[in-house]
C-alpha cells in the first residue's frame, strides 16, 4: 500500500476528525476560561489581598544593564496559569462526570428481551408437541 493511500485512510477516519474538532473547541474553551479567570476572578482576589495584580508579581534576578533586559521570574503569571488550569480541569471533570452519568442511566435501563423469531416459535411448538406425544 502506498504512503499516500495509508495517509488518506488515516486522515479520513472519523476519530481523527473528532479529535481535531475536540482540540479546536478545547483551545477556544481555554481562552474563555483564561479571560474569565484574568478578568473576573483575579481582580477581586487581588483587591482582597490589598490591591495586588498577580500578573505583575515577579522576582528580579538581575537588573537591566547596558541594553541587556532584566532577568525576571514572573511568578504572578504562573499563579494565574495555575488558577486557569484548575478551573479548566474542574470544568472538564464535571463534563466527563455528566457524560458518565448519562451512560450509566442508559446501561441501568433494562432492555426488554427481543421477541423470538418465527423459526424459534415454530421449533418451540414442535418441541412441546413431541413432549406431549411421549
N, C-alpha and C. Protein backbone atom coordinates (compact mmCIF):
# COMPACT_ATOMS: atom_id res chain seq x y z
N UNK A 1 0.86 -1.17 0.00
CA UNK A 1 0.00 0.00 0.00
C UNK A 1 0.91 1.24 0.00
N UNK A 2 0.56 2.17 -0.83
CA UNK A 2 1.42 3.35 -0.92
C UNK A 2 1.22 4.26 0.29
N UNK A 3 2.21 5.09 0.52
CA UNK A 3 2.16 6.01 1.65
C UNK A 3 0.96 6.94 1.53
N UNK A 4 0.65 7.38 0.32
CA UNK A 4 -0.47 8.31 0.12
C UNK A 4 -1.80 7.66 0.48
N UNK A 5 -1.98 6.37 0.09
CA UNK A 5 -3.22 5.68 0.44
C UNK A 5 -3.35 5.50 1.94
N UNK A 6 -2.26 5.13 2.60
CA UNK A 6 -2.28 4.98 4.05
C UNK A 6 -2.64 6.28 4.73
N UNK A 7 -2.03 7.38 4.26
CA UNK A 7 -2.33 8.69 4.85
C UNK A 7 -3.79 9.05 4.63
N UNK A 8 -4.31 8.78 3.44
CA UNK A 8 -5.71 9.10 3.15
C UNK A 8 -6.64 8.33 4.09
N UNK A 9 -6.38 7.04 4.28
CA UNK A 9 -7.20 6.24 5.19
C UNK A 9 -7.12 6.78 6.62
N UNK A 10 -5.94 7.17 7.03
CA UNK A 10 -5.76 7.72 8.37
C UNK A 10 -6.50 9.05 8.52
N UNK A 11 -6.37 9.92 7.53
CA UNK A 11 -6.91 11.27 7.63
C UNK A 11 -8.44 11.30 7.57
N UNK A 12 -9.04 10.37 6.85
CA UNK A 12 -10.49 10.42 6.72
C UNK A 12 -11.23 9.59 7.77
N UNK A 13 -10.50 8.95 8.65
CA UNK A 13 -11.16 8.22 9.74
C UNK A 13 -11.89 9.21 10.62
N UNK A 14 -13.03 8.81 11.14
CA UNK A 14 -13.83 9.69 11.99
C UNK A 14 -13.10 10.12 13.25
N UNK A 15 -12.27 9.24 13.81
CA UNK A 15 -11.59 9.57 15.05
C UNK A 15 -10.66 10.75 14.90
N UNK A 16 -9.97 10.85 13.76
CA UNK A 16 -9.04 11.95 13.55
C UNK A 16 -9.80 13.26 13.47
N UNK A 17 -10.91 13.26 12.76
CA UNK A 17 -11.70 14.48 12.64
C UNK A 17 -12.30 14.85 13.99
N UNK A 18 -12.82 13.87 14.72
CA UNK A 18 -13.36 14.15 16.06
C UNK A 18 -12.30 14.74 16.97
N UNK A 19 -11.09 14.19 16.90
CA UNK A 19 -10.00 14.69 17.73
C UNK A 19 -9.66 16.13 17.36
N UNK A 20 -9.62 16.43 16.07
CA UNK A 20 -9.31 17.79 15.63
C UNK A 20 -10.36 18.78 16.12
N UNK A 21 -11.62 18.39 16.02
CA UNK A 21 -12.70 19.26 16.50
C UNK A 21 -12.56 19.46 18.01
N UNK A 22 -12.24 18.39 18.74
CA UNK A 22 -12.06 18.50 20.19
C UNK A 22 -10.92 19.44 20.56
N UNK A 23 -9.83 19.36 19.82
CA UNK A 23 -8.69 20.24 20.10
C UNK A 23 -9.06 21.69 19.85
N UNK A 24 -9.75 21.96 18.76
CA UNK A 24 -10.15 23.34 18.44
C UNK A 24 -11.10 23.88 19.49
N UNK A 25 -12.08 23.08 19.87
CA UNK A 25 -13.02 23.53 20.90
C UNK A 25 -12.31 23.70 22.23
N UNK A 26 -11.37 22.79 22.54
CA UNK A 26 -10.61 22.91 23.78
C UNK A 26 -9.78 24.18 23.83
N UNK A 27 -9.18 24.55 22.70
CA UNK A 27 -8.39 25.78 22.66
C UNK A 27 -9.29 27.00 22.88
N UNK A 28 -10.45 26.99 22.24
CA UNK A 28 -11.39 28.10 22.43
C UNK A 28 -11.88 28.16 23.87
N UNK A 29 -12.16 26.99 24.45
CA UNK A 29 -12.61 26.94 25.84
C UNK A 29 -11.52 27.45 26.77
N UNK A 30 -10.27 27.12 26.46
CA UNK A 30 -9.15 27.61 27.26
C UNK A 30 -9.06 29.13 27.24
N UNK A 31 -9.31 29.74 26.09
CA UNK A 31 -9.30 31.21 26.00
C UNK A 31 -10.42 31.82 26.83
N UNK A 32 -11.59 31.18 26.78
CA UNK A 32 -12.72 31.68 27.56
C UNK A 32 -12.41 31.61 29.05
N UNK A 33 -11.87 30.49 29.49
CA UNK A 33 -11.54 30.33 30.91
C UNK A 33 -10.44 31.30 31.31
N UNK A 34 -9.44 31.49 30.46
CA UNK A 34 -8.37 32.44 30.78
C UNK A 34 -8.92 33.84 30.96
N UNK A 35 -9.83 34.23 30.09
CA UNK A 35 -10.46 35.54 30.21
C UNK A 35 -11.29 35.62 31.48
N UNK A 36 -12.04 34.56 31.78
CA UNK A 36 -12.85 34.54 32.99
C UNK A 36 -11.98 34.69 34.23
N UNK A 37 -10.90 33.94 34.27
CA UNK A 37 -10.01 34.00 35.43
C UNK A 37 -9.33 35.35 35.51
N UNK A 38 -8.76 35.81 34.39
CA UNK A 38 -8.00 37.06 34.41
C UNK A 38 -8.85 38.30 34.60
N UNK A 39 -10.06 38.29 34.05
CA UNK A 39 -10.89 39.49 34.06
C UNK A 39 -11.98 39.48 35.12
N UNK A 40 -12.35 38.31 35.63
CA UNK A 40 -13.45 38.24 36.60
C UNK A 40 -12.99 37.72 37.96
N UNK A 41 -12.21 36.65 37.99
CA UNK A 41 -11.83 36.03 39.26
C UNK A 41 -10.67 36.74 39.94
N UNK A 42 -9.60 36.98 39.21
CA UNK A 42 -8.39 37.50 39.83
C UNK A 42 -8.49 38.95 40.33
N UNK A 43 -9.18 39.86 39.67
CA UNK A 43 -9.26 41.22 40.23
C UNK A 43 -9.84 41.28 41.65
N UNK A 44 -10.97 40.59 41.94
CA UNK A 44 -11.45 40.63 43.32
C UNK A 44 -10.48 39.99 44.31
N UNK A 45 -9.82 38.91 43.88
CA UNK A 45 -8.84 38.28 44.76
C UNK A 45 -7.69 39.25 45.04
N UNK A 46 -7.26 39.97 44.00
CA UNK A 46 -6.22 40.98 44.17
C UNK A 46 -6.64 42.07 45.13
N UNK A 47 -7.90 42.50 45.05
CA UNK A 47 -8.40 43.53 45.97
C UNK A 47 -8.42 43.01 47.40
N UNK A 48 -8.86 41.77 47.57
CA UNK A 48 -8.89 41.18 48.91
C UNK A 48 -7.49 41.06 49.50
N UNK A 49 -6.49 40.90 48.65
CA UNK A 49 -5.11 40.77 49.13
C UNK A 49 -4.37 42.11 49.14
N UNK A 50 -5.13 43.19 49.07
CA UNK A 50 -4.50 44.51 49.19
C UNK A 50 -4.16 45.14 47.86
N UNK A 51 -4.95 44.92 46.84
CA UNK A 51 -4.74 45.55 45.56
C UNK A 51 -3.62 44.95 44.74
N UNK A 52 -3.30 43.69 44.97
CA UNK A 52 -2.21 43.05 44.25
C UNK A 52 -2.70 42.61 42.87
N UNK A 53 -1.92 42.96 41.84
CA UNK A 53 -2.18 42.47 40.49
C UNK A 53 -1.24 41.29 40.27
N UNK A 54 -1.80 40.09 40.19
CA UNK A 54 -0.98 38.88 40.13
C UNK A 54 -0.08 38.84 38.91
N UNK A 55 -0.55 39.36 37.78
CA UNK A 55 0.26 39.26 36.57
C UNK A 55 1.54 40.08 36.65
N UNK A 56 1.58 41.06 37.55
CA UNK A 56 2.80 41.88 37.66
C UNK A 56 3.74 41.40 38.77
N UNK A 57 3.38 40.37 39.50
CA UNK A 57 4.25 39.87 40.56
C UNK A 57 5.46 39.16 39.96
N UNK A 58 6.65 39.54 40.41
CA UNK A 58 7.86 38.94 39.85
C UNK A 58 9.04 39.18 40.78
N UNK A 59 10.04 38.30 40.66
CA UNK A 59 11.33 38.49 41.32
C UNK A 59 12.32 38.95 40.26
N UNK A 60 13.07 39.99 40.57
CA UNK A 60 14.11 40.44 39.65
C UNK A 60 15.40 39.75 40.04
N UNK A 61 15.89 38.88 39.16
CA UNK A 61 17.11 38.14 39.42
C UNK A 61 18.32 39.02 39.12
N UNK A 62 18.23 39.72 37.99
CA UNK A 62 19.33 40.59 37.59
C UNK A 62 18.73 41.83 36.94
N UNK A 63 19.14 43.00 37.40
CA UNK A 63 18.64 44.26 36.85
C UNK A 63 19.09 44.43 35.40
N UNK A 64 18.33 45.20 34.65
CA UNK A 64 18.71 45.51 33.27
C UNK A 64 19.96 46.39 33.29
N UNK A 65 20.88 46.11 32.38
CA UNK A 65 22.12 46.88 32.34
C UNK A 65 22.65 46.94 30.92
N UNK A 66 23.01 48.13 30.50
CA UNK A 66 23.67 48.37 29.21
C UNK A 66 22.98 47.66 28.05
N UNK A 67 21.71 47.87 27.89
CA UNK A 67 20.96 47.31 26.77
C UNK A 67 20.49 45.88 26.97
N UNK A 68 20.96 45.20 27.98
CA UNK A 68 20.51 43.83 28.26
C UNK A 68 19.24 43.90 29.11
N UNK A 69 18.22 43.14 28.76
CA UNK A 69 17.00 43.19 29.55
C UNK A 69 17.19 42.54 30.92
N UNK A 70 16.31 42.90 31.84
CA UNK A 70 16.38 42.35 33.19
C UNK A 70 15.99 40.87 33.15
N UNK A 71 16.58 40.11 34.04
CA UNK A 71 16.21 38.70 34.20
C UNK A 71 15.18 38.65 35.31
N UNK A 72 13.98 38.19 34.96
CA UNK A 72 12.83 38.26 35.87
C UNK A 72 12.16 36.90 35.96
N UNK A 73 11.79 36.51 37.18
CA UNK A 73 10.96 35.33 37.39
C UNK A 73 9.55 35.83 37.66
N UNK A 74 8.66 35.64 36.69
CA UNK A 74 7.28 36.15 36.78
C UNK A 74 6.38 35.12 37.44
N UNK A 75 6.43 35.02 38.75
CA UNK A 75 5.63 34.02 39.44
C UNK A 75 4.16 34.39 39.45
N UNK A 76 3.83 35.66 39.26
CA UNK A 76 2.43 36.08 39.20
C UNK A 76 1.72 35.48 37.99
N UNK A 77 2.39 35.45 36.86
CA UNK A 77 1.81 34.83 35.67
C UNK A 77 1.64 33.33 35.89
N UNK A 78 2.58 32.74 36.63
CA UNK A 78 2.48 31.31 36.93
C UNK A 78 1.26 31.04 37.82
N UNK A 79 1.04 31.89 38.83
CA UNK A 79 -0.14 31.74 39.69
C UNK A 79 -1.41 31.86 38.84
N UNK A 80 -1.42 32.81 37.93
CA UNK A 80 -2.57 33.00 37.03
C UNK A 80 -2.81 31.74 36.20
N UNK A 81 -1.74 31.16 35.69
CA UNK A 81 -1.86 29.95 34.88
C UNK A 81 -2.35 28.77 35.71
N UNK A 82 -1.90 28.67 36.96
CA UNK A 82 -2.38 27.60 37.84
C UNK A 82 -3.88 27.72 38.10
N UNK A 83 -4.35 28.93 38.31
CA UNK A 83 -5.79 29.14 38.53
C UNK A 83 -6.55 28.77 37.26
N UNK A 84 -6.04 29.18 36.09
CA UNK A 84 -6.67 28.81 34.81
C UNK A 84 -6.77 27.29 34.69
N UNK A 85 -5.65 26.61 34.95
CA UNK A 85 -5.63 25.16 34.82
C UNK A 85 -6.62 24.51 35.77
N UNK A 86 -6.68 24.98 37.00
CA UNK A 86 -7.58 24.39 37.99
C UNK A 86 -9.03 24.52 37.54
N UNK A 87 -9.40 25.67 37.03
CA UNK A 87 -10.78 25.87 36.58
C UNK A 87 -11.07 25.02 35.35
N UNK A 88 -10.14 24.96 34.40
CA UNK A 88 -10.34 24.14 33.20
C UNK A 88 -10.46 22.67 33.59
N UNK A 89 -9.56 22.21 34.46
CA UNK A 89 -9.59 20.81 34.89
C UNK A 89 -10.91 20.48 35.59
N UNK A 90 -11.40 21.39 36.42
CA UNK A 90 -12.67 21.17 37.12
C UNK A 90 -13.83 21.12 36.12
N UNK A 91 -13.82 22.03 35.15
CA UNK A 91 -14.90 22.04 34.15
C UNK A 91 -14.89 20.76 33.33
N UNK A 92 -13.72 20.29 32.94
CA UNK A 92 -13.63 19.04 32.18
C UNK A 92 -14.07 17.86 33.05
N UNK A 93 -13.67 17.87 34.32
CA UNK A 93 -14.10 16.82 35.25
C UNK A 93 -15.63 16.77 35.34
N UNK A 94 -16.26 17.94 35.46
CA UNK A 94 -17.72 17.97 35.56
C UNK A 94 -18.37 17.49 34.26
N UNK A 95 -17.79 17.85 33.10
CA UNK A 95 -18.34 17.40 31.82
C UNK A 95 -18.24 15.88 31.70
N UNK A 96 -17.08 15.32 32.05
CA UNK A 96 -16.90 13.87 31.97
C UNK A 96 -17.82 13.17 32.95
N UNK A 97 -17.99 13.74 34.13
CA UNK A 97 -18.88 13.16 35.13
C UNK A 97 -20.32 13.13 34.61
N UNK A 98 -20.74 14.23 33.95
CA UNK A 98 -22.09 14.28 33.40
C UNK A 98 -22.27 13.24 32.29
N UNK A 99 -21.28 13.12 31.43
CA UNK A 99 -21.35 12.14 30.34
C UNK A 99 -21.42 10.73 30.91
N UNK A 100 -20.60 10.45 31.93
CA UNK A 100 -20.62 9.11 32.55
C UNK A 100 -21.95 8.81 33.21
N UNK A 101 -22.59 9.82 33.81
CA UNK A 101 -23.89 9.58 34.44
C UNK A 101 -24.95 9.28 33.39
N UNK A 102 -24.85 9.92 32.20
CA UNK A 102 -25.78 9.60 31.12
C UNK A 102 -25.57 8.16 30.65
N UNK A 103 -24.31 7.74 30.56
CA UNK A 103 -24.02 6.36 30.14
C UNK A 103 -24.56 5.37 31.15
N UNK A 104 -24.42 5.68 32.45
CA UNK A 104 -24.90 4.77 33.49
C UNK A 104 -26.42 4.65 33.42
N UNK A 105 -27.11 5.76 33.14
CA UNK A 105 -28.57 5.70 33.03
C UNK A 105 -28.99 4.83 31.86
N UNK A 106 -28.26 4.92 30.75
CA UNK A 106 -28.58 4.07 29.60
C UNK A 106 -28.35 2.61 29.93
N UNK A 107 -27.24 2.30 30.63
CA UNK A 107 -26.93 0.93 30.98
C UNK A 107 -27.89 0.39 32.02
N UNK A 108 -28.37 1.25 32.93
CA UNK A 108 -29.24 0.81 34.01
C UNK A 108 -30.64 0.48 33.50
N UNK A 109 -31.07 1.14 32.44
CA UNK A 109 -32.41 0.88 31.92
C UNK A 109 -32.44 -0.54 31.34
N UNK A 110 -33.27 -1.41 31.94
CA UNK A 110 -33.32 -2.79 31.44
C UNK A 110 -33.99 -2.82 30.07
N UNK A 111 -33.38 -3.55 29.20
CA UNK A 111 -33.93 -3.69 27.85
C UNK A 111 -34.83 -4.91 27.83
N UNK A 112 -35.95 -4.78 27.14
CA UNK A 112 -36.86 -5.91 27.01
C UNK A 112 -36.21 -6.98 26.14
N UNK A 113 -36.38 -8.22 26.53
CA UNK A 113 -35.78 -9.27 25.70
C UNK A 113 -36.42 -9.23 24.30
N UNK A 114 -35.63 -9.51 23.29
CA UNK A 114 -36.18 -9.45 21.93
C UNK A 114 -37.20 -10.56 21.70
N UNK A 115 -38.16 -10.26 20.85
CA UNK A 115 -39.18 -11.25 20.50
C UNK A 115 -38.50 -12.43 19.81
N UNK A 116 -38.91 -13.65 20.12
CA UNK A 116 -38.32 -14.79 19.42
C UNK A 116 -38.72 -14.76 17.94
N UNK A 117 -37.83 -15.24 17.11
CA UNK A 117 -38.11 -15.26 15.67
C UNK A 117 -39.20 -16.29 15.37
N UNK A 118 -39.74 -16.23 14.17
CA UNK A 118 -40.79 -17.18 13.78
C UNK A 118 -40.27 -18.62 13.83
N UNK A 119 -39.01 -18.78 13.46
CA UNK A 119 -38.43 -20.12 13.48
C UNK A 119 -38.34 -20.66 14.90
N UNK A 120 -37.95 -19.79 15.83
CA UNK A 120 -37.84 -20.23 17.22
C UNK A 120 -39.21 -20.59 17.79
N UNK A 121 -40.22 -19.79 17.45
CA UNK A 121 -41.59 -20.09 17.92
C UNK A 121 -42.04 -21.43 17.37
N UNK A 122 -41.81 -21.65 16.09
CA UNK A 122 -42.20 -22.91 15.46
C UNK A 122 -41.46 -24.09 16.09
N UNK A 123 -40.15 -23.95 16.30
CA UNK A 123 -39.38 -25.02 16.92
C UNK A 123 -39.85 -25.29 18.35
N UNK A 124 -40.23 -24.27 19.07
CA UNK A 124 -40.74 -24.45 20.43
C UNK A 124 -42.06 -25.22 20.40
N UNK A 125 -42.93 -24.90 19.47
CA UNK A 125 -44.20 -25.62 19.35
C UNK A 125 -43.96 -27.09 19.01
N UNK A 126 -43.04 -27.35 18.08
CA UNK A 126 -42.72 -28.73 17.71
C UNK A 126 -42.17 -29.48 18.91
N UNK A 127 -41.27 -28.84 19.67
CA UNK A 127 -40.71 -29.49 20.86
C UNK A 127 -41.81 -29.84 21.85
N UNK A 128 -42.73 -28.90 22.07
CA UNK A 128 -43.81 -29.15 23.03
C UNK A 128 -44.72 -30.27 22.55
N UNK A 129 -45.00 -30.34 21.26
CA UNK A 129 -45.84 -31.41 20.72
C UNK A 129 -45.15 -32.77 20.87
N UNK A 130 -43.83 -32.80 20.65
CA UNK A 130 -43.09 -34.06 20.81
C UNK A 130 -43.08 -34.50 22.26
N UNK A 131 -42.98 -33.56 23.18
CA UNK A 131 -43.01 -33.92 24.61
C UNK A 131 -44.36 -34.51 24.98
N UNK A 132 -45.45 -33.94 24.44
CA UNK A 132 -46.80 -34.42 24.78
C UNK A 132 -47.07 -35.80 24.19
N UNK A 133 -46.42 -36.14 23.07
CA UNK A 133 -46.62 -37.44 22.42
C UNK A 133 -46.08 -38.57 23.26
N UNK A 134 -45.10 -38.39 24.02
CA UNK A 134 -44.47 -39.46 24.79
C UNK A 134 -45.34 -39.95 25.88
